[in-house]
Amino acid sequence: MGKIKEIKIKVPTITSLPDGVYSGILGGYCIELTFQDKVYELTTDEGVRSIGYKVVVTIKDGVGTFETLKN
């Protein structure tokens, strides 16, 4: 039987992304994308009733927008 070494509370941290264009996957009200080996979760104001929609995320001057691609 294995022994537990430590237990931590996983707390989401609000962060930002540098200006740029990123590809992501939209599901519900969340876009998931990977940047520099870290997975980011972006909350959107518009949602979809499915998962797996490919999107392009644009960050300009700290403001993020997204567009869905042909899915």
PDB file of N, CA and C in Angstrom:
ATOM      1  N   MET A   1       0.853  -1.176   0.000  1.00  0.00           N
ATOM      2  CA  MET A   1       0.000   0.000   0.000  1.00  0.00           C
ATOM      3  C   MET A   1       0.894   1.233   0.000  1.00  0.00           C
ATOM      4  N   GLY A   2       0.534   2.238  -0.846  1.00  0.00           N
ATOM      5  CA  GLY A   2       1.313   3.467  -0.937  1.00  0.00           C
ATOM      6  C   GLY A   2       0.986   4.437   0.181  1.00  0.00           C
ATOM      7  N   LYS A   3       1.944   5.265   0.499  1.00  0.00           N
ATOM      8  CA  LYS A   3       1.780   6.251   1.556  1.00  0.00           C
ATOM      9  C   LYS A   3       1.660   7.641   0.946  1.00  0.00           C
ATOM     10  N   ILE A   4       0.737   8.446   1.442  1.00  0.00           N
ATOM     11  CA  ILE A   4       0.536   9.821   0.978  1.00  0.00           C
ATOM     12  C   ILE A   4       1.556  10.712   1.662  1.00  0.00           C
ATOM     13  N   LYS A   5       2.309  11.473   0.835  1.00  0.00           N
ATOM     14  CA  LYS A   5       3.350  12.333   1.384  1.00  0.00           C
ATOM     15  C   LYS A   5       2.825  13.690   1.810  1.00  0.00           C
ATOM     16  N   GLU A   6       1.912  14.277   1.023  1.00  0.00           N
ATOM     17  CA  GLU A   6       1.318  15.560   1.401  1.00  0.00           C
ATOM     18  C   GLU A   6       0.009  15.760   0.667  1.00  0.00           C
ATOM     19  N   ILE A   7      -0.835  16.607   1.215  1.00  0.00           N
ATOM     20  CA  ILE A   7      -2.140  16.937   0.634  1.00  0.00           C
ATOM     21  C   ILE A   7      -2.209  18.448   0.510  1.00  0.00           C
ATOM     22  N   LYS A   8      -2.610  18.924  -0.694  1.00  0.00           N
ATOM     23  CA  LYS A   8      -2.704  20.356  -0.939  1.00  0.00           C
ATOM     24  C   LYS A   8      -4.091  20.699  -1.460  1.00  0.00           C
ATOM     25  N   ILE A   9      -4.529  21.912  -1.215  1.00  0.00           N
ATOM     26  CA  ILE A   9      -5.765  22.421  -1.794  1.00  0.00           C
ATOM     27  C   ILE A   9      -5.416  23.021  -3.146  1.00  0.00           C
ATOM     28  N   LYS A  10      -6.140  22.605  -4.179  1.00  0.00           N
ATOM     29  CA  LYS A  10      -5.918  23.148  -5.514  1.00  0.00           C
ATOM     30  C   LYS A  10      -6.794  24.371  -5.683  1.00  0.00           C
ATOM     31  N   VAL A  11      -6.158  25.526  -5.842  1.00  0.00           N
ATOM     32  CA  VAL A  11      -6.879  26.790  -5.928  1.00  0.00           C
ATOM     33  C   VAL A  11      -6.610  27.404  -7.301  1.00  0.00           C
ATOM     34  N   PRO A  12      -7.670  27.696  -8.063  1.00  0.00           N
ATOM     35  CA  PRO A  12      -7.445  28.383  -9.341  1.00  0.00           C
ATOM     36  C   PRO A  12      -6.854  29.773  -9.108  1.00  0.00           C
ATOM     37  N   THR A  13      -5.956  30.159  -9.965  1.00  0.00           N
ATOM     38  CA  THR A  13      -5.308  31.457  -9.865  1.00  0.00           C
ATOM     39  C   THR A  13      -5.632  32.275 -11.107  1.00  0.00           C
ATOM     40  N   ILE A  14      -6.069  33.500 -10.912  1.00  0.00           N
ATOM     41  CA  ILE A  14      -6.330  34.387 -12.037  1.00  0.00           C
ATOM     42  C   ILE A  14      -4.992  34.888 -12.552  1.00  0.00           C
ATOM     43  N   THR A  15      -4.818  34.798 -13.851  1.00  0.00           N
ATOM     44  CA  THR A  15      -3.561  35.196 -14.473  1.00  0.00           C
ATOM     45  C   THR A  15      -3.865  35.889 -15.787  1.00  0.00           C
ATOM     46  N   SER A  16      -2.858  36.116 -16.597  1.00  0.00           N
ATOM     47  CA  SER A  16      -3.062  36.728 -17.913  1.00  0.00           C
ATOM     48  C   SER A  16      -2.185  36.014 -18.920  1.00  0.00           C
ATOM     49  N   LEU A  17      -2.413  36.322 -20.177  1.00  0.00           N
ATOM     50  CA  LEU A  17      -1.587  35.809 -21.261  1.00  0.00           C
ATOM     51  C   LEU A  17      -0.989  36.994 -22.000  1.00  0.00           C
ATOM     52  N   PRO A  18       0.190  36.826 -22.565  1.00  0.00           N
ATOM     53  CA  PRO A  18       0.754  37.921 -23.354  1.00  0.00           C
ATOM     54  C   PRO A  18      -0.049  38.140 -24.635  1.00  0.00           C
ATOM     55  N   ASP A  19       0.030  39.346 -25.187  1.00  0.00           N
ATOM     56  CA  ASP A  19      -0.644  39.623 -26.453  1.00  0.00           C
ATOM     57  C   ASP A  19      -0.222  38.588 -27.480  1.00  0.00           C
ATOM     58  N   GLY A  20      -1.197  38.125 -28.267  1.00  0.00           N
ATOM     59  CA  GLY A  20      -0.904  37.133 -29.289  1.00  0.00           C
ATOM     60  C   GLY A  20      -2.162  36.436 -29.744  1.00  0.00           C
ATOM     61  N   VAL A  21      -1.976  35.443 -30.605  1.00  0.00           N
ATOM     62  CA  VAL A  21      -3.078  34.642 -31.137  1.00  0.00           C
ATOM     63  C   VAL A  21      -2.837  33.198 -30.722  1.00  0.00           C
ATOM     64  N   TYR A  22      -3.870  32.559 -30.186  1.00  0.00           N
ATOM     65  CA  TYR A  22      -3.767  31.213 -29.650  1.00  0.00           C
ATOM     66  C   TYR A  22      -4.897  30.357 -30.194  1.00  0.00           C
ATOM     67  N   SER A  23      -4.672  29.057 -30.280  1.00  0.00           N
ATOM     68  CA  SER A  23      -5.753  28.144 -30.643  1.00  0.00           C
ATOM     69  C   SER A  23      -6.239  27.463 -29.375  1.00  0.00           C
ATOM     70  N   GLY A  24      -7.546  27.242 -29.315  1.00  0.00           N
ATOM     71  CA  GLY A  24      -8.125  26.627 -28.132  1.00  0.00           C
ATOM     72  C   GLY A  24      -9.344  25.803 -28.469  1.00  0.00           C
ATOM     73  N   ILE A  25      -9.898  25.184 -27.444  1.00  0.00           N
ATOM     74  CA  ILE A  25     -11.092  24.354 -27.566  1.00  0.00           C
ATOM     75  C   ILE A  25     -12.162  24.921 -26.633  1.00  0.00           C
ATOM     76  N   LEU A  26     -13.334  25.219 -27.207  1.00  0.00           N
ATOM     77  CA  LEU A  26     -14.454  25.782 -26.453  1.00  0.00           C
ATOM     78  C   LEU A  26     -15.444  24.693 -26.100  1.00  0.00           C
ATOM     79  N   GLY A  27     -15.908  24.714 -24.869  1.00  0.00           N
ATOM     80  CA  GLY A  27     -16.952  23.817 -24.401  1.00  0.00           C
ATOM     81  C   GLY A  27     -17.713  24.516 -23.287  1.00  0.00           C
ATOM     82  N   GLY A  28     -19.033  24.646 -23.433  1.00  0.00           N
ATOM     83  CA  GLY A  28     -19.807  25.387 -22.432  1.00  0.00           C
ATOM     84  C   GLY A  28     -19.410  26.847 -22.459  1.00  0.00           C
ATOM     85  N   TYR A  29     -18.964  27.350 -21.330  1.00  0.00           N
ATOM     86  CA  TYR A  29     -18.502  28.742 -21.213  1.00  0.00           C
ATOM     87  C   TYR A  29     -17.000  28.790 -20.926  1.00  0.00           C
ATOM     88  N   CYS A  30     -16.267  27.808 -21.426  1.00  0.00           N
ATOM     89  CA  CYS A  30     -14.852  27.695 -21.099  1.00  0.00           C
ATOM     90  C   CYS A  30     -14.036  27.361 -22.343  1.00  0.00           C
ATOM     91  N   ILE A  31     -12.930  28.079 -22.518  1.00  0.00           N
ATOM     92  CA  ILE A  31     -11.959  27.765 -23.562  1.00  0.00           C
ATOM     93  C   ILE A  31     -10.707  27.242 -22.871  1.00  0.00           C
ATOM     94  N   GLU A  32     -10.223  26.121 -23.350  1.00  0.00           N
ATOM     95  CA  GLU A  32      -8.993  25.571 -22.813  1.00  0.00           C
ATOM     96  C   GLU A  32      -7.905  25.699 -23.873  1.00  0.00           C
ATOM     97  N   LEU A  33      -6.747  26.231 -23.461  1.00  0.00           N
ATOM     98  CA  LEU A  33      -5.627  26.338 -24.385  1.00  0.00           C
ATOM     99  C   LEU A  33      -4.334  26.084 -23.646  1.00  0.00           C
ATOM    100  N   THR A  34      -3.323  25.711 -24.399  1.00  0.00           N
ATOM    101  CA  THR A  34      -2.009  25.434 -23.819  1.00  0.00           C
ATOM    102  C   THR A  34      -1.019  26.471 -24.314  1.00  0.00           C
ATOM    103  N   PHE A  35      -0.252  27.037 -23.394  1.00  0.00           N
ATOM    104  CA  PHE A  35       0.785  28.013 -23.717  1.00  0.00           C
ATOM    105  C   PHE A  35       1.976  27.745 -22.813  1.00  0.00           C
ATOM    106  N   GLN A  36       3.133  27.550 -23.405  1.00  0.00           N
ATOM    107  CA  GLN A  36       4.369  27.267 -22.681  1.00  0.00           C
ATOM    108  C   GLN A  36       4.186  26.123 -21.678  1.00  0.00           C
ATOM    109  N   ASP A  37       3.631  25.039 -22.144  1.00  0.00           N
ATOM    110  CA  ASP A  37       3.442  23.807 -21.362  1.00  0.00           C
ATOM    111  C   ASP A  37       2.509  23.961 -20.164  1.00  0.00           C
ATOM    112  N   LYS A  38       1.712  25.019 -20.138  1.00  0.00           N
ATOM    113  CA  LYS A  38       0.715  25.198 -19.084  1.00  0.00           C
ATOM    114  C   LYS A  38      -0.657  25.247 -19.737  1.00  0.00           C
ATOM    115  N   VAL A  39      -1.631  24.647 -19.075  1.00  0.00           N
ATOM    116  CA  VAL A  39      -3.001  24.647 -19.589  1.00  0.00           C
ATOM    117  C   VAL A  39      -3.764  25.788 -18.927  1.00  0.00           C
ATOM    118  N   TYR A  40      -4.371  26.635 -19.752  1.00  0.00           N
ATOM    119  CA  TYR A  40      -5.132  27.783 -19.273  1.00  0.00           C
ATOM    120  C   TYR A  40      -6.612  27.535 -19.518  1.00  0.00           C
ATOM    121  N   GLU A  41      -7.441  28.028 -18.618  1.00  0.00           N
ATOM    122  CA  GLU A  41      -8.897  27.941 -18.742  1.00  0.00           C
ATOM    123  C   GLU A  41      -9.446  29.357 -18.794  1.00  0.00           C
ATOM    124  N   LEU A  42     -10.054  29.715 -19.920  1.00  0.00           N
ATOM    125  CA  LEU A  42     -10.589  31.056 -20.125  1.00  0.00           C
ATOM    126  C   LEU A  42     -12.107  30.995 -20.043  1.00  0.00           C
ATOM    127  N   THR A  43     -12.710  31.799 -19.204  1.00  0.00           N
ATOM    128  CA  THR A  43     -14.162  31.850 -19.066  1.00  0.00           C
ATOM    129  C   THR A  43     -14.722  32.860 -20.060  1.00  0.00           C
ATOM    130  N   THR A  44     -15.777  32.464 -20.766  1.00  0.00           N
ATOM    131  CA  THR A  44     -16.352  33.318 -21.811  1.00  0.00           C
ATOM    132  C   THR A  44     -17.717  33.851 -21.405  1.00  0.00           C
ATOM    133  N   ASP A  45     -18.167  34.915 -22.097  1.00  0.00           N
ATOM    134  CA  ASP A  45     -19.499  35.445 -21.830  1.00  0.00           C
ATOM    135  C   ASP A  45     -20.555  34.755 -22.699  1.00  0.00           C
ATOM    136  N   GLU A  46     -20.125  34.075 -23.756  1.00  0.00           N
ATOM    137  CA  GLU A  46     -21.022  33.318 -24.614  1.00  0.00           C
ATOM    138  C   GLU A  46     -20.615  31.852 -24.541  1.00  0.00           C
ATOM    139  N   GLY A  47     -21.607  30.983 -24.495  1.00  0.00           N
ATOM    140  CA  GLY A  47     -21.301  29.566 -24.393  1.00  0.00           C
ATOM    141  C   GLY A  47     -21.930  28.752 -25.502  1.00  0.00           C
ATOM    142  N   VAL A  48     -21.548  27.490 -25.554  1.00  0.00           N
ATOM    143  CA  VAL A  48     -22.111  26.532 -26.499  1.00  0.00           C
ATOM    144  C   VAL A  48     -22.604  25.322 -25.713  1.00  0.00           C
ATOM    145  N   ARG A  49     -23.520  24.595 -26.312  1.00  0.00           N
ATOM    146  CA  ARG A  49     -24.079  23.423 -25.634  1.00  0.00           C
ATOM    147  C   ARG A  49     -23.356  22.148 -26.047  1.00  0.00           C
ATOM    148  N   SER A  50     -22.078  22.241 -26.186  1.00  0.00           N
ATOM    149  CA  SER A  50     -21.283  21.103 -26.607  1.00  0.00           C
ATOM    150  C   SER A  50     -19.844  21.334 -26.171  1.00  0.00           C
ATOM    151  N   ILE A  51     -18.991  20.380 -26.500  1.00  0.00           N
ATOM    152  CA  ILE A  51     -17.560  20.550 -26.240  1.00  0.00           C
ATOM    153  C   ILE A  51     -16.803  20.265 -27.525  1.00  0.00           C
ATOM    154  N   GLY A  52     -15.613  20.755 -27.613  1.00  0.00           N
ATOM    155  CA  GLY A  52     -14.765  20.447 -28.739  1.00  0.00           C
ATOM    156  C   GLY A  52     -14.812  21.421 -29.893  1.00  0.00           C
ATOM    157  N   TYR A  53     -15.369  22.612 -29.703  1.00  0.00           N
ATOM    158  CA  TYR A  53     -15.374  23.632 -30.754  1.00  0.00           C
ATOM    159  C   TYR A  53     -13.987  24.268 -30.840  1.00  0.00           C
ATOM    160  N   LYS A  54     -13.397  24.234 -32.034  1.00  0.00           N
ATOM    161  CA  LYS A  54     -12.093  24.871 -32.216  1.00  0.00           C
ATOM    162  C   LYS A  54     -12.290  26.374 -32.324  1.00  0.00           C
ATOM    163  N   VAL A  55     -11.458  27.123 -31.596  1.00  0.00           N
ATOM    164  CA  VAL A  55     -11.550  28.581 -31.594  1.00  0.00           C
ATOM    165  C   VAL A  55     -10.172  29.197 -31.737  1.00  0.00           C
ATOM    166  N   VAL A  56     -10.160  30.460 -32.163  1.00  0.00           N
ATOM    167  CA  VAL A  56      -8.942  31.265 -32.187  1.00  0.00           C
ATOM    168  C   VAL A  56      -9.126  32.358 -31.151  1.00  0.00           C
ATOM    169  N   VAL A  57      -8.193  32.438 -30.211  1.00  0.00           N
ATOM    170  CA  VAL A  57      -8.229  33.432 -29.145  1.00  0.00           C
ATOM    171  C   VAL A  57      -7.207  34.516 -29.488  1.00  0.00           C
ATOM    172  N   THR A  58      -7.635  35.761 -29.423  1.00  0.00           N
ATOM    173  CA  THR A  58      -6.731  36.884 -29.664  1.00  0.00           C
ATOM    174  C   THR A  58      -6.659  37.737 -28.402  1.00  0.00           C
ATOM    175  N   ILE A  59      -5.449  37.979 -27.935  1.00  0.00           N
ATOM    176  CA  ILE A  59      -5.221  38.865 -26.792  1.00  0.00           C
ATOM    177  C   ILE A  59      -4.515  40.098 -27.338  1.00  0.00           C
ATOM    178  N   LYS A  60      -5.125  41.262 -27.173  1.00  0.00           N
ATOM    179  CA  LYS A  60      -4.518  42.513 -27.627  1.00  0.00           C
ATOM    180  C   LYS A  60      -4.702  43.558 -26.542  1.00  0.00           C
ATOM    181  N   ASP A  61      -3.621  44.149 -26.103  1.00  0.00           N
ATOM    182  CA  ASP A  61      -3.632  45.140 -25.022  1.00  0.00           C
ATOM    183  C   ASP A  61      -4.332  44.599 -23.776  1.00  0.00           C
ATOM    184  N   GLY A  62      -4.144  43.307 -23.519  1.00  0.00           N
ATOM    185  CA  GLY A  62      -4.717  42.679 -22.328  1.00  0.00           C
ATOM    186  C   GLY A  62      -6.185  42.301 -22.430  1.00  0.00           C
ATOM    187  N   VAL A  63      -6.816  42.544 -23.583  1.00  0.00           N
ATOM    188  CA  VAL A  63      -8.232  42.217 -23.774  1.00  0.00           C
ATOM    189  C   VAL A  63      -8.320  40.993 -24.674  1.00  0.00           C
ATOM    190  N   GLY A  64      -9.075  39.986 -24.225  1.00  0.00           N
ATOM    191  CA  GLY A  64      -9.196  38.759 -24.981  1.00  0.00           C
ATOM    192  C   GLY A  64     -10.523  38.639 -25.711  1.00  0.00           C
ATOM    193  N   THR A  65     -10.462  38.161 -26.959  1.00  0.00           N
ATOM    194  CA  THR A  65     -11.646  37.867 -27.755  1.00  0.00           C
ATOM    195  C   THR A  65     -11.438  36.494 -28.389  1.00  0.00           C
ATOM    196  N   PHE A  66     -12.527  35.901 -28.883  1.00  0.00           N
ATOM    197  CA  PHE A  66     -12.396  34.614 -29.556  1.00  0.00           C
ATOM    198  C   PHE A  66     -13.352  34.515 -30.724  1.00  0.00           C
ATOM    199  N   GLU A  67     -12.972  33.705 -31.689  1.00  0.00           N
ATOM    200  CA  GLU A  67     -13.807  33.408 -32.845  1.00  0.00           C
ATOM    201  C   GLU A  67     -13.820  31.899 -33.044  1.00  0.00           C
ATOM    202  N   THR A  68     -14.999  31.349 -33.340  1.00  0.00           N
ATOM    203  CA  THR A  68     -15.072  29.921 -33.616  1.00  0.00           C
ATOM    204  C   THR A  68     -14.649  29.667 -35.066  1.00  0.00           C
ATOM    205  N   LEU A  69     -14.024  28.535 -35.271  1.00  0.00           N
ATOM    206  CA  LEU A  69     -13.641  28.112 -36.611  1.00  0.00           C
ATOM    207  C   LEU A  69     -14.729  27.217 -37.160  1.00  0.00           C
ATOM    208  N   LYS A  70     -14.638  26.839 -38.416  1.00  0.00           N
ATOM    209  CA  LYS A  70     -15.611  25.894 -38.979  1.00  0.00           C
ATOM    210  C   LYS A  70     -15.459  24.575 -38.246  1.00  0.00           C
ATOM    211  N   ASN A  71     -16.504  24.168 -37.551  1.00  0.00           N
ATOM    212  CA  ASN A  71     -16.441  22.931 -36.773  1.00  0.00           C
ATOM    213  C   ASN A  71     -17.339  21.887 -37.371  1.00  0.00           C
TER     214      ASN A  71
END
